C-alpha atoms as a PDB file:
ATOM      1  CA  MET A   1       3.370 -40.531  36.147  1.00  0.00           C
ATOM      2  CA  ILE A   2       0.101 -40.707  34.284  1.00  0.00           C
ATOM      3  CA  SER A   3      -0.190 -36.921  34.443  1.00  0.00           C
ATOM      4  CA  VAL A   4       3.278 -36.510  32.904  1.00  0.00           C
ATOM      5  CA  GLY A   5       2.328 -38.973  30.181  1.00  0.00           C
ATOM      6  CA  LEU A   6      -0.931 -37.124  29.512  1.00  0.00           C
ATOM      7  CA  PHE A   7       0.942 -33.808  29.379  1.00  0.00           C
ATOM      8  CA  TYR A   8       3.358 -35.034  26.715  1.00  0.00           C
ATOM      9  CA  ALA A   9       0.696 -37.020  24.843  1.00  0.00           C
ATOM     10  CA  PHE A  10      -2.157 -34.536  24.832  1.00  0.00           C
ATOM     11  CA  THR A  11      -1.482 -31.165  26.438  1.00  0.00           C
ATOM     12  CA  SER A  12       1.911 -30.411  24.881  1.00  0.00           C
ATOM     13  CA  PRO A  13       0.702 -30.894  21.270  1.00  0.00           C
ATOM     14  CA  GLN A  14      -2.315 -28.702  22.066  1.00  0.00           C
ATOM     15  CA  TYR A  15      -0.001 -25.950  23.377  1.00  0.00           C
ATOM     16  CA  GLN A  16       2.021 -26.288  20.186  1.00  0.00           C
ATOM     17  CA  LYS A  17      -1.141 -25.924  18.054  1.00  0.00           C
ATOM     18  CA  ILE A  18      -2.207 -22.898  20.102  1.00  0.00           C
ATOM     19  CA  GLY A  19       1.229 -21.326  19.558  1.00  0.00           C
ATOM     20  CA  ASP A  20       0.984 -21.991  15.802  1.00  0.00           C
ATOM     21  CA  LEU A  21      -2.505 -20.484  15.702  1.00  0.00           C
ATOM     22  CA  ARG A  22      -1.297 -17.372  17.576  1.00  0.00           C
ATOM     23  CA  THR A  23       1.550 -16.980  15.066  1.00  0.00           C
ATOM     24  CA  ALA A  24      -0.874 -17.380  12.149  1.00  0.00           C
ATOM     25  CA  SER A  25      -3.276 -14.945  13.802  1.00  0.00           C
ATOM     26  CA  GLN A  26      -0.480 -12.384  14.215  1.00  0.00           C
ATOM     27  CA  THR A  27       0.525 -12.854  10.549  1.00  0.00           C
ATOM     28  CA  TYR A  28      -3.055 -12.307   9.392  1.00  0.00           C
ATOM     29  CA  THR A  29      -3.385  -9.264  11.652  1.00  0.00           C
ATOM     30  CA  ASN A  30      -0.216  -7.795  10.107  1.00  0.00           C
ATOM     31  CA  ILE A  31      -1.545  -8.502   6.609  1.00  0.00           C
ATOM     32  CA  LEU A  32      -4.853  -6.794   7.434  1.00  0.00           C
ATOM     33  CA  ASN A  33      -3.018  -3.792   8.916  1.00  0.00           C
ATOM     34  CA  ASN A  34      -0.851  -3.535   5.791  1.00  0.00           C
ATOM     35  CA  ALA A  35      -3.936  -3.772   3.565  1.00  0.00           C
ATOM     36  CA  LEU A  36      -5.628  -1.024   5.575  1.00  0.00           C
ATOM     37  CA  ALA A  37      -2.516   1.192   5.352  1.00  0.00           C
ATOM     38  CA  LEU A  38      -2.295   0.520   1.610  1.00  0.00           C
ATOM     39  CA  SER A  39      -5.968   1.366   1.146  1.00  0.00           C
ATOM     40  CA  THR A  40      -5.514   4.603   3.093  1.00  0.00           C
ATOM     41  CA  LYS A  41      -2.451   5.542   1.033  1.00  0.00           C
ATOM     42  CA  ARG A  42      -4.340   4.761  -2.190  1.00  0.00           C
ATOM     43  CA  ASP A  43      -7.183   7.025  -1.116  1.00  0.00           C
ATOM     44  CA  GLU A  44      -4.735   9.827  -0.240  1.00  0.00           C
ATOM     45  CA  LEU A  45      -2.976   9.557  -3.604  1.00  0.00           C
ATOM     46  CA  LEU A  46      -6.270   9.410  -5.465  1.00  0.00           C
ATOM     47  CA  SER A  47      -7.401  12.544  -3.661  1.00  0.00           C
ATOM     48  CA  LYS A  48      -4.134  14.318  -4.564  1.00  0.00           C
ATOM     49  CA  TYR A  49      -4.463  13.180  -8.185  1.00  0.00           C
ATOM     50  CA  ARG A  50      -7.989  14.548  -8.412  1.00  0.00           C
ATOM     51  CA  ASN A  51      -6.706  17.915  -7.166  1.00  0.00           C
ATOM     52  CA  ILE A  52      -4.109  18.228  -9.946  1.00  0.00           C
ATOM     53  CA  PRO A  53      -5.240  20.878 -12.444  1.00  0.00           C
ATOM     54  CA  LYS A  54      -6.398  19.469 -15.780  1.00  0.00           C
ATOM     55  CA  GLN A  55      -3.840  21.586 -17.672  1.00  0.00           C
ATOM     56  CA  ASN A  56      -0.992  19.976 -15.702  1.00  0.00           C
ATOM     57  CA  ILE A  57      -2.288  16.501 -16.523  1.00  0.00           C
ATOM     58  CA  GLU A  58      -2.473  17.449 -20.207  1.00  0.00           C
ATOM     59  CA  ASN A  59       1.098  18.770 -20.061  1.00  0.00           C
ATOM     60  CA  ILE A  60       2.321  15.537 -18.501  1.00  0.00           C
ATOM     61  CA  SER A  61       0.519  13.627 -21.233  1.00  0.00           C
ATOM     62  CA  LYS A  62       2.349  15.721 -23.840  1.00  0.00           C
ATOM     63  CA  VAL A  63       5.739  15.084 -22.245  1.00  0.00           C
ATOM     64  CA  LEU A  64       5.364  11.316 -22.275  1.00  0.00           C
ATOM     65  CA  PRO A  65       2.104  10.192 -23.899  1.00  0.00           C
ATOM     66  CA  ASP A  66       0.672   6.704 -23.480  1.00  0.00           C
ATOM     67  CA  ASN A  67       0.669   6.052 -27.233  1.00  0.00           C
ATOM     68  CA  VAL A  68       2.398   7.271 -30.344  1.00  0.00           C
ATOM     69  CA  ASP A  69       0.214   9.624 -32.359  1.00  0.00           C
ATOM     70  CA  ILE A  70       2.273  10.378 -35.445  1.00  0.00           C
ATOM     71  CA  VAL A  71      -0.428  12.562 -36.984  1.00  0.00           C
ATOM     72  CA  ARG A  72      -0.657  14.810 -33.912  1.00  0.00           C
ATOM     73  CA  LEU A  73       3.126  14.934 -33.574  1.00  0.00           C
ATOM     74  CA  SER A  74       3.474  15.837 -37.251  1.00  0.00           C
ATOM     75  CA  MET A  75       0.869  18.554 -36.817  1.00  0.00           C
ATOM     76  CA  ASP A  76       2.770  19.910 -33.800  1.00  0.00           C
ATOM     77  CA  PHE A  77       6.018  20.029 -35.773  1.00  0.00           C
ATOM     78  CA  ASP A  78       4.240  21.610 -38.730  1.00  0.00           C
ATOM     79  CA  SER A  79       2.689  24.220 -36.436  1.00  0.00           C
ATOM     80  CA  ILE A  80       6.127  25.108 -35.084  1.00  0.00           C
ATOM     81  CA  ALA A  81       7.551  25.186 -38.628  1.00  0.00           C
ATOM     82  CA  SER A  82       4.781  27.486 -39.875  1.00  0.00           C
ATOM     83  CA  ARG A  83       5.911  30.160 -37.409  1.00  0.00           C
ATOM     84  CA  TYR A  84       9.014  30.515 -39.549  1.00  0.00           C
ATOM     85  CA  GLY A  85       7.420  30.043 -42.960  1.00  0.00           C
ATOM     86  CA  LEU A  86       8.653  26.449 -43.250  1.00  0.00           C
ATOM     87  CA  SER A  87       6.773  23.630 -44.910  1.00  0.00           C
ATOM     88  CA  ILE A  88       7.584  20.132 -43.671  1.00  0.00           C
ATOM     89  CA  LYS A  89       7.687  17.471 -46.389  1.00  0.00           C
ATOM     90  CA  GLY A  90       8.298  13.759 -46.671  1.00  0.00           C
ATOM     91  CA  ILE A  91       7.469  12.620 -43.158  1.00  0.00           C
ATOM     92  CA  GLN A  92       8.717   9.074 -42.592  1.00  0.00           C
ATOM     93  CA  VAL A  93       8.145   6.937 -39.526  1.00  0.00           C
ATOM     94  CA  ASP A  94      10.371   4.048 -38.538  1.00  0.00           C
ATOM     95  CA  LYS A  95       8.655   2.233 -35.688  1.00  0.00           C
ATOM     96  CA  ASN A  96      11.089  -0.682 -35.831  1.00  0.00           C
ATOM     97  CA  LYS A  97      14.057   1.357 -34.704  1.00  0.00           C
ATOM     98  CA  SER A  98      14.302   1.768 -31.009  1.00  0.00           C
ATOM     99  CA  GLY A  99      16.481   3.879 -28.819  1.00  0.00           C
ATOM    100  CA  ASN A 100      17.482   0.818 -26.798  1.00  0.00           C
ATOM    101  CA  ASN A 101      21.204   0.269 -26.633  1.00  0.00           C
ATOM    102  CA  SER A 102      22.096  -3.196 -27.859  1.00  0.00           C
ATOM    103  CA  ASN A 103      25.367  -3.267 -25.905  1.00  0.00           C
ATOM    104  CA  ASN A 104      24.458  -5.393 -22.869  1.00  0.00           C
ATOM    105  CA  SER A 105      27.380  -4.100 -20.810  1.00  0.00           C
ATOM    106  CA  THR A 106      25.810  -0.633 -20.586  1.00  0.00           C
ATOM    107  CA  ILE A 107      22.156  -1.548 -20.074  1.00  0.00           C
ATOM    108  CA  VAL A 108      20.985  -0.572 -16.625  1.00  0.00           C
ATOM    109  CA  VAL A 109      17.440  -1.910 -16.970  1.00  0.00           C
ATOM    110  CA  ASN A 110      16.582  -5.056 -18.863  1.00  0.00           C
ATOM    111  CA  PRO A 111      14.938  -3.971 -22.164  1.00  0.00           C
ATOM    112  CA  ALA A 112      12.024  -6.321 -21.457  1.00  0.00           C
ATOM    113  CA  GLU A 113      11.315  -4.292 -18.304  1.00  0.00           C
ATOM    114  CA  GLN A 114      11.223  -0.867 -19.961  1.00  0.00           C
ATOM    115  CA  VAL A 115       7.964   0.981 -19.609  1.00  0.00           C
ATOM    116  CA  TYR A 116       8.478   3.115 -22.700  1.00  0.00           C
ATOM    117  CA  ASP A 117       9.077   2.643 -26.393  1.00  0.00           C
ATOM    118  CA  SER A 118      10.370   4.937 -29.092  1.00  0.00           C
ATOM    119  CA  THR A 119      10.126   5.627 -32.785  1.00  0.00           C
ATOM    120  CA  ILE A 120      12.143   7.710 -35.223  1.00  0.00           C
ATOM    121  CA  ILE A 121      10.411  10.330 -37.346  1.00  0.00           C
ATOM    122  CA  SER A 122      12.229  11.900 -40.302  1.00  0.00           C
ATOM    123  CA  PHE A 123      11.133  14.909 -42.334  1.00  0.00           C
ATOM    124  CA  SER A 124      12.622  17.511 -44.629  1.00  0.00           C
ATOM    125  CA  PHE A 125      12.147  21.200 -45.357  1.00  0.00           C
ATOM    126  CA  VAL A 126      13.841  24.141 -47.052  1.00  0.00           C
ATOM    127  CA  SER A 127      14.922  27.073 -44.888  1.00  0.00           C
ATOM    128  CA  SER A 128      17.517  29.673 -44.118  1.00  0.00           C
ATOM    129  CA  TYR A 129      19.987  28.823 -41.378  1.00  0.00           C
ATOM    130  CA  ASP A 130      18.448  31.406 -39.017  1.00  0.00           C
ATOM    131  CA  ASN A 131      14.941  29.954 -39.371  1.00  0.00           C
ATOM    132  CA  PHE A 132      16.354  26.427 -38.998  1.00  0.00           C
ATOM    133  CA  ARG A 133      17.962  27.406 -35.679  1.00  0.00           C
ATOM    134  CA  LYS A 134      14.735  29.005 -34.442  1.00  0.00           C
ATOM    135  CA  PHE A 135      12.721  25.950 -35.498  1.00  0.00           C
ATOM    136  CA  MET A 136      15.107  23.570 -33.705  1.00  0.00           C
ATOM    137  CA  HIS A 137      15.077  25.816 -30.621  1.00  0.00           C
ATOM    138  CA  ASP A 138      11.277  25.637 -30.484  1.00  0.00           C
ATOM    139  CA  ILE A 139      11.339  21.834 -30.833  1.00  0.00           C
ATOM    140  CA  GLU A 140      13.918  21.715 -28.054  1.00  0.00           C
ATOM    141  CA  ASN A 141      11.672  23.793 -25.802  1.00  0.00           C
ATOM    142  CA  SER A 142       8.448  21.932 -26.606  1.00  0.00           C
ATOM    143  CA  LEU A 143       6.906  19.740 -23.941  1.00  0.00           C
ATOM    144  CA  ARG A 144       7.395  16.522 -25.906  1.00  0.00           C
ATOM    145  CA  ILE A 145      10.527  14.515 -25.077  1.00  0.00           C
ATOM    146  CA  VAL A 146      12.520  14.123 -28.283  1.00  0.00           C
ATOM    147  CA  ASN A 147      16.105  13.388 -29.280  1.00  0.00           C
ATOM    148  CA  ILE A 148      17.511  14.804 -32.474  1.00  0.00           C
ATOM    149  CA  LYS A 149      19.126  11.741 -34.074  1.00  0.00           C
ATOM    150  CA  SER A 150      20.510  13.390 -37.213  1.00  0.00           C
ATOM    151  CA  VAL A 151      20.458  16.553 -39.281  1.00  0.00           C
ATOM    152  CA  ASP A 152      21.514  16.470 -42.936  1.00  0.00           C
ATOM    153  CA  PHE A 153      21.605  19.537 -45.130  1.00  0.00           C
ATOM    154  CA  GLN A 154      22.490  20.617 -48.626  1.00  0.00           C
ATOM    155  CA  SER A 155      22.884  24.117 -49.948  1.00  0.00           C
ATOM    156  CA  THR A 156      20.772  25.358 -52.830  1.00  0.00           C
ATOM    157  CA  ASP A 157      21.390  27.995 -55.476  1.00  0.00           C
ATOM    158  CA  ASN A 158      19.134  30.576 -53.830  1.00  0.00           C
ATOM    159  CA  GLY A 159      21.036  30.672 -50.507  1.00  0.00           C
ATOM    160  CA  LEU A 160      18.606  28.411 -48.656  1.00  0.00           C
ATOM    161  CA  TYR A 161      19.356  24.959 -47.339  1.00  0.00           C
ATOM    162  CA  GLN A 162      17.523  21.643 -47.797  1.00  0.00           C
ATOM    163  CA  TYR A 163      17.360  20.036 -44.323  1.00  0.00           C
ATOM    164  CA  LYS A 164      16.502  16.460 -43.402  1.00  0.00           C
ATOM    165  CA  VAL A 165      15.944  15.931 -39.668  1.00  0.00           C
ATOM    166  CA  SER A 166      15.481  12.645 -37.811  1.00  0.00           C
ATOM    167  CA  ILE A 167      13.905  12.832 -34.375  1.00  0.00           C
ATOM    168  CA  GLU A 168      13.360  10.054 -31.872  1.00  0.00           C
ATOM    169  CA  THR A 169      10.287  10.366 -29.693  1.00  0.00           C
ATOM    170  CA  TYR A 170       9.040   8.279 -26.773  1.00  0.00           C
ATOM    171  CA  TRP A 171       5.768   7.073 -25.297  1.00  0.00           C
ATOM    172  CA  LEU A 172       4.621   4.829 -22.465  1.00  0.00           C
ATOM    173  CA  LYS A 173       3.862   1.226 -23.321  1.00  0.00           C
END
């Protein structure tokens, strides 16, 4: 009888503690194994990243840069325009406008969770329709992700057109 009493009073709680410690030990072992696997995966990815050619990394940076560089973007557009004898004028930047849709029923990702931001750049130039099409084609085929938001034009007396183009561009936050 005393042995049964000792078992329930002393031995049984000790078995319970041992079982709890084994469970905790198994949990910590799993955590260490996961940390080791994560560290190995990190090292693999870092090795792959280091093997990416520098030109490819620069191209990725052009597609979706980590900041908005209006001067560089303006220079890129001006460089494209100069191929067709165009001179870009009146560059305006509207950083307050965003491409985020304000209609909550169509938002897939919460705007607070977006990893990118956008700005609208507007500029004008005088050109023939042919050169305008070539210019827009080159912007379309450039590495930078842009959306043409609007194109306004007016004809002039000399057969050329006055164009005003608004482009939305993106960058990582």
